[in-house]
Amino acid sequence: MFKIPHIAPDRLPGVLRLMPKAELHLHIEGTLEPELIFKLAQRNQVQLPYASVEALRAAYDFKDLQSFLDIYYAGASVLLHEQDFFDMAWAYLEKAAADNVVHAEIFFDPQTHTARGVPMETVIKGLHHACQRAHQEFGLSAKLILCFLRHLSEEDAFATLEAALPFRHYFIGVGLDSSELGHPPAKFERVFAKCRELGLHVVAHAGEEGPPEYIRDALDLLKAERIDHGVQAVRDADLMKRLADERVPLTVCPLSNIKLCVFPTLAQHNLKSLLDAGLCVTVNSDDPAYFGGYVNDNYVQLFAALGLEGRHAYQLAFNSFEASFADAAQKKAWEHGLKAFFERLREQD
């Protein structure tokens, strides 16, 4: 059995930043920093309802998911050309590489753009070319997951899927995001069945603000392979046991949960309870430009707030590789690299 070395609390932030990890819950439109929003607005002659970068950043005071989404969609209005999507993704991937993310599975919301007249090809190719470059320059593996906006209709989702199929080789799966409450998984049962027929991986946001039933329905009706967020599962003991027994990954986003008032403080976050119950929990940044931190910030702040230790760091990073959609050989290679990293820490003691 691999023994995790004891890591002194003052060394832990450095370990969290340096350890290899995967990020599995990241909305690329949510990485648009105010500076880049203004740069793209100027380049594309888009008028923003904010006078300055500072004024826009000051507006990032959200009371719930919907108040965030309102400003999120406004920010996305500056994305018009393939180069814009490339620049946005490249800015994230540079930060991911600096955070020692070796694999990222990136959500994108085509309906946010096609509704504004931006062609599907423009969106997907811009993002794909940034992923290609990240692999060439950093050795970072990056894959795309197309997300349906759940506040829109299933018919709209079908139309989006149809428009994306000519570019099927550029994305590995589909997800379900946007406003959760009032838009249960059942609403999208048929389109997810079609996606599975096409051989696409399927994931779904559930149990962020919505009830545990949404998590169960995402598993039973959509056949989701991963649950994005899932923190409300603790309200249902039978569901918790099922998630642990079936090793269903949860892609938890701690700073997002605080910013959107899912938990009052990080010290009250339930991630440790989920881990202690044997669930395959991972740490991710969600929409880092809006929520105050990229993936390493999530790790460092969460560990400080909950008093987590080196063994938790190893488990969370290991889970991130296990929960990814990479092939078995690649997962094994990443897991070997993670183990080697922690073994080197023991030698340094």
Protein backbone atom coordinates (compact mmCIF):
# COMPACT_ATOMS: atom_id res chain seq x y z
CA MET A 1 0.00 0.00 0.00
CA PHE A 2 1.42 3.38 -1.00
CA LYS A 3 2.00 5.49 2.12
CA ILE A 4 1.54 9.24 1.77
CA PRO A 5 4.27 11.14 3.60
CA HIS A 6 3.31 13.64 6.29
CA ILE A 7 3.45 17.16 4.90
CA ALA A 8 3.88 20.09 7.27
CA PRO A 9 1.07 22.65 6.97
CA ASP A 10 3.46 25.37 5.82
CA ARG A 11 4.65 23.15 2.94
CA LEU A 12 1.20 22.05 1.87
CA PRO A 13 0.33 25.03 -0.40
CA GLY A 14 3.51 24.44 -2.40
CA VAL A 15 2.74 20.74 -2.72
CA LEU A 16 -0.81 21.46 -3.90
CA ARG A 17 0.49 23.83 -6.56
CA LEU A 18 3.23 21.50 -7.82
CA MET A 19 1.43 18.16 -7.86
CA PRO A 20 0.14 16.96 -11.27
CA LYS A 21 -3.63 17.07 -11.58
CA ALA A 22 -6.55 17.06 -14.01
CA GLU A 23 -9.30 19.66 -14.23
CA LEU A 24 -12.68 18.26 -15.24
CA HIS A 25 -15.17 21.07 -14.53
CA LEU A 26 -14.16 24.24 -16.33
CA HIS A 27 -16.39 26.46 -18.46
CA ILE A 28 -14.15 28.12 -21.01
CA GLU A 29 -16.44 31.16 -21.26
CA GLY A 30 -16.00 31.47 -17.49
CA THR A 31 -12.26 32.05 -17.90
CA LEU A 32 -12.77 35.40 -19.64
CA GLU A 33 -10.93 37.85 -17.40
CA PRO A 34 -12.19 41.47 -17.47
CA GLU A 35 -8.98 42.59 -19.16
CA LEU A 36 -9.51 40.16 -22.05
CA ILE A 37 -13.21 41.06 -22.27
CA PHE A 38 -12.29 44.72 -22.79
CA LYS A 39 -9.51 43.82 -25.23
CA LEU A 40 -11.88 41.73 -27.37
CA ALA A 41 -14.65 44.33 -27.08
CA GLN A 42 -12.30 46.94 -28.47
CA ARG A 43 -11.04 44.63 -31.22
CA ASN A 44 -14.58 43.71 -32.26
CA GLN A 45 -16.17 47.11 -31.59
CA VAL A 46 -18.62 45.70 -29.04
CA GLN A 47 -20.13 48.19 -26.60
CA LEU A 48 -20.00 46.98 -22.98
CA PRO A 49 -22.34 48.22 -20.22
CA TYR A 50 -19.31 48.88 -17.98
CA ALA A 51 -17.00 51.89 -18.14
CA SER A 52 -13.81 50.07 -17.14
CA VAL A 53 -12.16 46.80 -16.16
CA GLU A 54 -12.55 47.84 -12.51
CA ALA A 55 -16.27 48.55 -12.92
CA LEU A 56 -16.81 45.15 -14.53
CA ARG A 57 -14.87 43.32 -11.82
CA ALA A 58 -16.84 45.19 -9.16
CA ALA A 59 -20.03 43.74 -10.65
CA TYR A 60 -18.88 40.20 -9.72
CA ASP A 61 -21.00 40.18 -6.57
CA PHE A 62 -23.43 37.33 -7.04
CA LYS A 63 -26.33 36.30 -4.82
CA ASP A 64 -27.06 33.04 -6.65
CA LEU A 65 -26.43 31.10 -9.85
CA GLN A 66 -28.79 33.20 -11.97
CA SER A 67 -27.22 36.54 -11.00
CA PHE A 68 -23.88 35.12 -12.13
CA LEU A 69 -25.27 33.78 -15.40
CA ASP A 70 -26.67 37.19 -16.32
CA ILE A 71 -23.21 38.77 -16.30
CA TYR A 72 -21.56 35.63 -17.70
CA TYR A 73 -23.64 35.80 -20.89
CA ALA A 74 -22.99 39.55 -21.20
CA GLY A 75 -19.24 38.88 -21.06
CA ALA A 76 -19.48 36.27 -23.79
CA SER A 77 -20.91 38.87 -26.20
CA VAL A 78 -17.37 39.95 -27.16
CA LEU A 79 -16.62 36.52 -28.71
CA LEU A 80 -17.26 36.78 -32.45
CA HIS A 81 -14.36 35.32 -34.43
CA GLU A 82 -12.26 32.15 -34.38
CA GLN A 83 -9.29 34.14 -33.05
CA ASP A 84 -11.40 35.33 -30.09
CA PHE A 85 -12.20 31.76 -29.06
CA PHE A 86 -8.56 30.78 -29.54
CA ASP A 87 -7.36 33.69 -27.41
CA MET A 88 -9.82 32.88 -24.62
CA ALA A 89 -8.88 29.19 -24.52
CA TRP A 90 -5.16 29.89 -24.83
CA ALA A 91 -5.24 32.29 -21.87
CA TYR A 92 -6.80 29.52 -19.74
CA LEU A 93 -4.47 26.81 -20.97
CA GLU A 94 -1.39 28.89 -20.14
CA LYS A 95 -2.71 29.26 -16.57
CA ALA A 96 -3.57 25.55 -16.41
CA ALA A 97 -0.06 24.57 -17.44
CA ALA A 98 1.36 26.91 -14.78
CA ASP A 99 -0.94 25.19 -12.24
CA ASN A 100 0.52 21.80 -13.24
CA VAL A 101 -2.72 20.65 -14.83
CA VAL A 102 -1.67 17.84 -17.15
CA HIS A 103 -5.18 17.13 -18.48
CA ALA A 104 -8.23 19.38 -18.86
CA GLU A 105 -11.72 18.51 -20.04
CA ILE A 106 -13.18 21.84 -21.06
CA PHE A 107 -16.87 22.75 -21.28
CA PHE A 108 -18.08 25.13 -23.96
CA ASP A 109 -21.57 26.56 -24.56
CA PRO A 110 -22.21 26.86 -28.31
CA GLN A 111 -25.80 28.09 -27.87
CA THR A 112 -24.45 31.20 -26.13
CA HIS A 113 -22.70 32.04 -29.40
CA THR A 114 -24.84 30.60 -32.17
CA ALA A 115 -27.82 32.57 -30.81
CA ARG A 116 -25.77 35.68 -31.61
CA GLY A 117 -25.07 34.54 -35.15
CA VAL A 118 -21.62 33.08 -34.50
CA PRO A 119 -21.16 29.90 -36.57
CA MET A 120 -20.62 26.60 -34.76
CA GLU A 121 -17.42 26.07 -36.77
CA THR A 122 -15.98 29.35 -35.51
CA VAL A 123 -16.53 28.35 -31.89
CA ILE A 124 -15.24 24.80 -32.07
CA LYS A 125 -12.22 25.38 -34.31
CA GLY A 126 -10.98 28.34 -32.28
CA LEU A 127 -11.09 26.26 -29.09
CA HIS A 128 -9.65 23.17 -30.76
CA HIS A 129 -6.64 25.00 -32.16
CA ALA A 130 -5.80 26.33 -28.69
CA CYS A 131 -6.00 22.77 -27.31
CA GLN A 132 -3.67 21.57 -30.07
CA ARG A 133 -1.15 24.29 -29.30
CA ALA A 134 -1.26 23.53 -25.56
CA HIS A 135 -0.38 19.91 -26.29
CA GLN A 136 2.48 20.94 -28.58
CA GLU A 137 3.94 23.57 -26.25
CA PHE A 138 3.18 22.23 -22.78
CA GLY A 139 2.39 18.56 -23.29
CA LEU A 140 -0.99 19.39 -21.75
CA SER A 141 -3.83 17.13 -22.85
CA ALA A 142 -7.02 19.17 -23.43
CA LYS A 143 -10.37 17.87 -24.65
CA LEU A 144 -13.68 19.63 -25.35
CA ILE A 145 -17.14 18.83 -23.98
CA LEU A 146 -20.14 20.51 -25.62
CA CYS A 147 -22.74 21.65 -23.09
CA PHE A 148 -26.44 22.21 -23.65
CA LEU A 149 -28.03 25.19 -21.90
CA ARG A 150 -30.76 23.73 -19.72
CA HIS A 151 -32.86 26.90 -19.57
CA LEU A 152 -33.46 26.41 -23.32
CA SER A 153 -35.61 23.66 -24.82
CA GLU A 154 -34.63 20.11 -25.67
CA GLU A 155 -35.51 20.94 -29.28
CA ASP A 156 -32.87 23.66 -29.20
CA ALA A 157 -30.40 21.13 -27.80
CA PHE A 158 -31.20 18.72 -30.65
CA ALA A 159 -30.62 21.52 -33.17
CA THR A 160 -27.31 22.36 -31.50
CA LEU A 161 -26.21 18.73 -31.60
CA GLU A 162 -27.12 18.54 -35.30
CA ALA A 163 -25.10 21.69 -36.04
CA ALA A 164 -22.11 20.29 -34.13
CA LEU A 165 -22.02 16.85 -35.76
CA PRO A 166 -19.83 17.90 -38.72
CA PHE A 167 -17.22 18.71 -36.04
CA ARG A 168 -17.84 15.58 -33.97
CA HIS A 169 -14.13 14.65 -34.01
CA TYR A 170 -13.29 17.86 -32.13
CA PHE A 171 -15.24 17.06 -28.93
CA ILE A 172 -15.43 13.97 -26.72
CA GLY A 173 -18.73 14.42 -24.92
CA VAL A 174 -21.73 16.50 -23.96
CA GLY A 175 -22.85 18.10 -20.72
CA LEU A 176 -25.75 20.04 -19.26
CA ASP A 177 -25.26 23.43 -17.60
CA SER A 178 -26.83 26.85 -16.91
CA SER A 179 -29.83 27.47 -14.59
CA GLU A 180 -30.46 24.26 -12.63
CA LEU A 181 -33.61 25.00 -10.62
CA GLY A 182 -36.77 24.39 -12.62
CA HIS A 183 -34.89 22.54 -15.37
CA PRO A 184 -34.60 18.91 -14.25
CA PRO A 185 -32.53 16.31 -16.10
CA ALA A 186 -35.71 14.65 -17.43
CA LYS A 187 -36.15 17.61 -19.76
CA PHE A 188 -33.17 16.38 -21.81
CA GLU A 189 -33.60 12.61 -21.65
CA ARG A 190 -34.08 12.10 -25.42
CA VAL A 191 -31.18 14.25 -26.59
CA PHE A 192 -28.81 12.55 -24.15
CA ALA A 193 -29.95 9.15 -25.45
CA LYS A 194 -29.05 10.33 -28.96
CA CYS A 195 -25.63 11.52 -27.76
CA ARG A 196 -24.92 8.15 -26.19
CA GLU A 197 -25.89 6.44 -29.47
CA LEU A 198 -23.26 8.61 -31.16
CA GLY A 199 -20.61 7.33 -28.75
CA LEU A 200 -20.25 10.59 -26.85
CA HIS A 201 -19.43 10.70 -23.16
CA VAL A 202 -22.20 12.28 -21.09
CA VAL A 203 -21.97 14.38 -17.94
CA ALA A 204 -24.46 16.70 -16.25
CA HIS A 205 -24.61 19.49 -13.69
CA ALA A 206 -26.80 18.30 -10.84
CA GLY A 207 -27.11 18.93 -7.13
CA GLU A 208 -25.45 22.36 -7.06
CA GLU A 209 -28.58 24.30 -6.12
CA GLY A 210 -30.97 21.56 -7.20
CA PRO A 211 -32.14 18.68 -4.97
CA PRO A 212 -30.61 15.20 -4.65
CA GLU A 213 -33.35 13.92 -6.99
CA TYR A 214 -31.68 15.81 -9.84
CA ILE A 215 -28.50 13.81 -9.23
CA ARG A 216 -30.42 10.54 -9.26
CA ASP A 217 -32.27 11.53 -12.44
CA ALA A 218 -29.01 12.56 -14.13
CA LEU A 219 -27.73 9.04 -13.44
CA ASP A 220 -30.91 7.10 -14.26
CA LEU A 221 -32.41 9.14 -17.09
CA LEU A 222 -29.39 10.76 -18.73
CA LYS A 223 -26.97 7.91 -17.82
CA ALA A 224 -24.42 10.55 -16.79
CA GLU A 225 -20.94 9.15 -16.27
CA ARG A 226 -19.95 12.05 -13.99
CA ILE A 227 -21.94 14.49 -11.89
CA ASP A 228 -20.81 18.10 -12.05
CA HIS A 229 -21.08 19.64 -8.55
CA GLY A 230 -23.24 17.05 -6.73
CA VAL A 231 -22.74 18.60 -3.29
CA GLN A 232 -26.43 18.27 -2.40
CA ALA A 233 -26.02 14.48 -2.39
CA VAL A 234 -25.31 14.64 1.36
CA ARG A 235 -29.03 15.25 1.90
CA ASP A 236 -29.82 11.67 0.77
CA ALA A 237 -28.07 8.77 2.54
CA ASP A 238 -29.12 6.17 -0.05
CA LEU A 239 -27.79 8.34 -2.87
CA MET A 240 -24.49 8.85 -1.04
CA LYS A 241 -24.10 5.09 -0.71
CA ARG A 242 -24.87 4.60 -4.39
CA LEU A 243 -22.36 7.26 -5.47
CA ALA A 244 -19.69 5.61 -3.33
CA ASP A 245 -20.51 2.04 -4.38
CA GLU A 246 -20.66 2.90 -8.10
CA ARG A 247 -17.64 5.21 -7.87
CA VAL A 248 -19.52 8.01 -9.65
CA PRO A 249 -17.19 11.02 -9.86
CA LEU A 250 -18.30 14.41 -8.53
CA THR A 251 -16.56 17.44 -10.02
CA VAL A 252 -16.77 19.82 -7.07
CA CYS A 253 -15.96 23.54 -7.38
CA PRO A 254 -15.30 24.98 -3.90
CA LEU A 255 -14.76 28.70 -4.64
CA SER A 256 -17.71 28.68 -7.02
CA ASN A 257 -19.90 27.22 -4.27
CA ILE A 258 -18.95 30.08 -1.96
CA LYS A 259 -19.31 32.81 -4.57
CA LEU A 260 -22.79 31.55 -5.52
CA CYS A 261 -23.86 31.13 -1.88
CA VAL A 262 -24.23 27.33 -1.95
CA PHE A 263 -22.21 27.37 1.32
CA PRO A 264 -21.70 30.40 3.57
CA THR A 265 -17.95 29.85 3.94
CA LEU A 266 -15.28 27.40 2.79
CA ALA A 267 -14.99 26.16 6.37
CA GLN A 268 -18.59 24.94 6.01
CA HIS A 269 -18.04 23.20 2.67
CA ASN A 270 -18.92 19.49 2.68
CA LEU A 271 -16.10 18.21 0.44
CA LYS A 272 -14.35 16.46 3.32
CA SER A 273 -17.62 14.72 4.26
CA LEU A 274 -17.97 13.52 0.68
CA LEU A 275 -14.39 12.23 0.67
CA ASP A 276 -14.78 10.56 4.05
CA ALA A 277 -17.88 8.78 2.72
CA GLY A 278 -15.72 7.22 0.00
CA LEU A 279 -16.96 9.26 -2.96
CA CYS A 280 -14.76 9.97 -5.98
CA VAL A 281 -14.56 13.73 -5.43
CA THR A 282 -12.43 16.07 -7.53
CA VAL A 283 -11.50 19.76 -7.16
CA ASN A 284 -12.10 22.18 -10.04
CA SER A 285 -12.48 25.90 -10.72
CA ASP A 286 -15.78 26.12 -12.70
CA ASP A 287 -15.70 29.78 -13.87
CA PRO A 288 -12.43 31.03 -12.39
CA ALA A 289 -12.46 34.55 -13.84
CA TYR A 290 -15.73 35.19 -12.00
CA PHE A 291 -15.22 33.15 -8.83
CA GLY A 292 -11.84 34.35 -7.66
CA GLY A 293 -9.46 31.52 -8.43
CA TYR A 294 -8.12 28.91 -10.83
CA VAL A 295 -7.69 25.30 -9.81
CA ASN A 296 -4.66 25.73 -7.54
CA ASP A 297 -6.42 28.58 -5.72
CA ASN A 298 -9.32 26.20 -5.08
CA TYR A 299 -6.99 23.57 -3.65
CA VAL A 300 -4.98 25.94 -1.45
CA GLN A 301 -7.94 27.85 -0.01
CA LEU A 302 -10.02 24.70 0.54
CA PHE A 303 -7.21 22.87 2.34
CA ALA A 304 -6.57 25.86 4.60
CA ALA A 305 -10.28 26.20 5.46
CA LEU A 306 -10.95 22.50 6.12
CA GLY A 307 -7.61 21.46 7.59
CA LEU A 308 -7.03 18.84 4.91
CA GLU A 309 -3.73 16.95 4.72
CA GLY A 310 -1.30 15.40 2.28
CA ARG A 311 -3.32 12.19 2.00
CA HIS A 312 -6.31 14.23 0.85
CA ALA A 313 -4.15 15.99 -1.74
CA TYR A 314 -3.00 12.68 -3.19
CA GLN A 315 -6.54 11.25 -3.19
CA LEU A 316 -8.09 14.28 -4.89
CA ALA A 317 -5.41 14.38 -7.60
CA PHE A 318 -5.69 10.60 -8.08
CA ASN A 319 -9.48 10.95 -8.34
CA SER A 320 -9.08 13.62 -11.02
CA PHE A 321 -7.22 11.18 -13.24
CA GLU A 322 -9.53 8.27 -12.44
CA ALA A 323 -12.59 10.39 -13.28
CA SER A 324 -11.22 11.64 -16.59
CA PHE A 325 -12.24 10.28 -19.98
CA ALA A 326 -8.65 9.44 -20.93
CA ASP A 327 -7.81 5.86 -21.86
CA ALA A 328 -6.59 3.39 -19.25
CA ALA A 329 -2.92 3.56 -20.29
CA GLN A 330 -2.85 7.34 -20.08
CA LYS A 331 -4.56 7.32 -16.68
CA LYS A 332 -2.01 4.81 -15.42
CA ALA A 333 0.85 7.01 -16.63
CA TRP A 334 -0.55 10.07 -14.85
CA GLU A 335 -1.20 8.09 -11.68
CA HIS A 336 2.38 6.79 -11.79
CA GLY A 337 3.64 10.37 -12.15
CA LEU A 338 1.54 11.46 -9.17
CA LYS A 339 2.87 8.63 -7.01
CA ALA A 340 6.44 9.49 -8.03
CA PHE A 341 5.83 13.11 -7.07
CA PHE A 342 4.73 12.12 -3.55
CA GLU A 343 7.59 9.63 -3.21
CA ARG A 344 10.04 12.45 -3.94
CA LEU A 345 8.46 14.43 -1.12
CA ARG A 346 9.22 11.59 1.29
CA GLU A 347 12.85 11.51 0.13
CA GLN A 348 13.12 15.25 0.83
CA ASP A 349 12.03 14.81 4.47
